[in-house]
Amino acid sequence: MLTKATTLDHPTLLFDGYCNLCSGSVLAIIRRDPQRIFRFVSLQSDLGQALLNQHSLSNIDIDSVVLINGDSCSIKSDAVLDVFHLLGGFYRPLAVFKYLPISFRNWVYDLIAGNRYAWFGKKDVCLIPTPELRERFLP
């Protein structure tokens, strides 16, 4: 069940599998992650829910992305900026936005998250990875 998935040496991003913006962001991360460090889990999946419970985030609003990296986890704007930092290269300097007040960063995040279906659309089913990408997605 949950045993090995949370002890992997890979940062794991939990995302809304029905959201076009979220699924598109996951695919963009994959394209920019040549070392293949990231793993991905839909928030709606059993594993996604178990990971939320394990990290005391079981009551988290589905509007949030979650990054689990080792024993730590980050949500909302912190998760996005941590992804930029871990991607490195051109994206690492974007993590400087972490110095902005979290209330402002999460206000912007919540504005986008609250309108993501209206602005970007919604899938009828969760993102289904291609065979080449399947290893990057945890069940």
Protein backbone atom coordinates (compact mmCIF):
# COMPACT_ATOMS: atom_id res chain seq x y z
CA MET A 1 0.00 0.00 0.00
CA LEU A 2 1.79 3.09 1.28
CA THR A 3 5.07 1.56 2.39
CA LYS A 4 7.71 2.30 -0.24
CA ALA A 5 6.01 5.20 -2.00
CA THR A 6 6.71 7.63 0.82
CA THR A 7 10.27 6.46 1.49
CA LEU A 8 11.51 6.91 -2.07
CA ASP A 9 14.34 9.34 -2.68
CA HIS A 10 12.13 11.29 -5.08
CA PRO A 11 10.15 14.45 -4.44
CA THR A 12 6.49 13.54 -4.98
CA LEU A 13 3.97 16.05 -6.29
CA LEU A 14 0.30 15.52 -5.49
CA PHE A 15 -1.96 17.29 -7.97
CA ASP A 16 -5.60 17.55 -9.04
CA GLY A 17 -5.82 14.90 -11.74
CA TYR A 18 -9.00 16.39 -13.25
CA CYS A 19 -7.62 19.90 -13.69
CA ASN A 20 -6.24 20.83 -17.11
CA LEU A 21 -3.91 23.45 -15.59
CA CYS A 22 -2.57 20.95 -13.03
CA SER A 23 -2.13 18.13 -15.56
CA GLY A 24 -0.47 20.53 -17.99
CA SER A 25 1.86 21.72 -15.23
CA VAL A 26 2.82 18.13 -14.42
CA LEU A 27 3.65 17.49 -18.08
CA ALA A 28 5.68 20.74 -18.17
CA ILE A 29 7.64 19.63 -15.08
CA ILE A 30 8.33 16.26 -16.70
CA ARG A 31 9.71 17.98 -19.82
CA ARG A 32 11.99 20.13 -17.65
CA ASP A 33 13.15 17.30 -15.38
CA PRO A 34 15.81 15.40 -17.35
CA GLN A 35 17.17 13.76 -14.17
CA ARG A 36 13.68 12.34 -13.59
CA ILE A 37 13.69 13.29 -9.91
CA PHE A 38 9.96 14.00 -9.57
CA ARG A 39 7.18 11.47 -9.06
CA PHE A 40 3.49 12.32 -9.35
CA VAL A 41 0.29 11.21 -7.63
CA SER A 42 -3.26 12.35 -8.20
CA LEU A 43 -4.86 13.84 -5.08
CA GLN A 44 -7.99 11.85 -5.91
CA SER A 45 -6.19 8.48 -5.82
CA ASP A 46 -6.10 6.16 -2.82
CA LEU A 47 -2.34 6.73 -2.54
CA GLY A 48 -2.82 10.49 -2.77
CA GLN A 49 -5.34 10.39 0.08
CA ALA A 50 -3.06 8.10 2.13
CA LEU A 51 -0.12 10.47 1.63
CA LEU A 52 -2.25 13.41 2.76
CA ASN A 53 -3.25 11.47 5.87
CA GLN A 54 0.35 10.46 6.58
CA HIS A 55 1.43 14.11 6.48
CA SER A 56 -1.56 15.34 8.52
CA LEU A 57 -3.07 17.05 5.49
CA SER A 58 -6.19 14.91 5.21
CA ASN A 59 -8.45 17.94 5.53
CA ILE A 60 -6.62 19.91 2.86
CA ASP A 61 -8.73 21.55 0.20
CA ILE A 62 -8.45 19.75 -3.13
CA ASP A 63 -7.49 23.15 -4.61
CA SER A 64 -3.94 22.73 -3.34
CA VAL A 65 -0.90 21.13 -4.83
CA VAL A 66 1.30 19.28 -2.33
CA LEU A 67 5.01 18.53 -2.63
CA ILE A 68 6.39 15.80 -0.39
CA ASN A 69 10.17 15.77 -0.26
CA GLY A 70 11.63 13.39 2.29
CA ASP A 71 10.00 14.06 5.65
CA SER A 72 8.86 17.55 4.71
CA CYS A 73 5.90 18.71 2.71
CA SER A 74 4.78 22.02 1.27
CA ILE A 75 1.47 23.21 -0.10
CA LYS A 76 0.11 25.94 -2.35
CA SER A 77 2.65 28.62 -3.34
CA ASP A 78 5.39 27.05 -1.20
CA ALA A 79 5.02 23.79 -3.17
CA VAL A 80 5.20 25.61 -6.52
CA LEU A 81 8.29 27.55 -5.50
CA ASP A 82 9.93 24.40 -4.07
CA VAL A 83 9.37 22.70 -7.44
CA PHE A 84 11.13 25.62 -9.17
CA HIS A 85 14.04 25.31 -6.75
CA LEU A 86 14.33 21.54 -7.30
CA LEU A 87 14.12 21.88 -11.09
CA GLY A 88 17.21 24.08 -10.92
CA GLY A 89 18.66 25.88 -13.89
CA PHE A 90 16.57 28.77 -15.18
CA TYR A 91 13.77 27.94 -12.71
CA ARG A 92 15.78 28.06 -9.48
CA PRO A 93 15.91 31.89 -9.31
CA LEU A 94 12.09 31.95 -9.36
CA ALA A 95 12.22 30.51 -5.85
CA VAL A 96 13.19 34.02 -4.72
CA PHE A 97 9.43 34.74 -4.63
CA LYS A 98 9.44 32.76 -1.37
CA TYR A 99 10.60 35.99 0.26
CA LEU A 100 7.24 37.59 -0.51
CA PRO A 101 4.70 37.31 2.32
CA ILE A 102 3.03 33.91 2.25
CA SER A 103 -0.38 35.54 2.69
CA PHE A 104 0.11 37.40 -0.61
CA ARG A 105 1.58 34.38 -2.43
CA ASN A 106 -1.26 32.12 -1.30
CA TRP A 107 -3.84 34.78 -2.16
CA VAL A 108 -2.55 34.71 -5.76
CA TYR A 109 -2.40 30.91 -5.67
CA ASP A 110 -5.98 30.66 -4.32
CA LEU A 111 -7.23 33.11 -6.97
CA ILE A 112 -5.83 30.90 -9.73
CA ALA A 113 -6.84 27.63 -8.04
CA GLY A 114 -10.38 28.85 -7.44
CA ASN A 115 -10.82 29.72 -11.11
CA ARG A 116 -8.74 26.97 -12.72
CA TYR A 117 -11.69 24.96 -14.06
CA ALA A 118 -13.35 28.05 -15.52
CA TRP A 119 -10.13 29.37 -17.05
CA PHE A 120 -8.44 26.12 -18.13
CA GLY A 121 -11.17 23.48 -18.14
CA LYS A 122 -11.65 20.16 -16.42
CA LYS A 123 -11.19 16.57 -17.56
CA ASP A 124 -13.84 13.88 -17.12
CA VAL A 125 -11.16 11.45 -15.95
CA CYS A 126 -7.81 11.89 -14.21
CA LEU A 127 -4.68 12.30 -16.29
CA ILE A 128 -3.65 8.92 -17.70
CA PRO A 129 0.09 8.85 -18.36
CA THR A 130 1.49 7.42 -21.54
CA PRO A 131 3.47 4.16 -21.26
CA GLU A 132 6.74 6.17 -21.43
CA LEU A 133 5.70 8.32 -18.47
CA ARG A 134 4.00 5.65 -16.38
CA GLU A 135 7.06 5.04 -14.17
CA ARG A 136 6.93 8.69 -13.05
CA PHE A 137 3.38 8.29 -11.69
CA LEU A 138 2.74 6.39 -8.49
CA PRO A 139 -0.43 4.26 -8.37
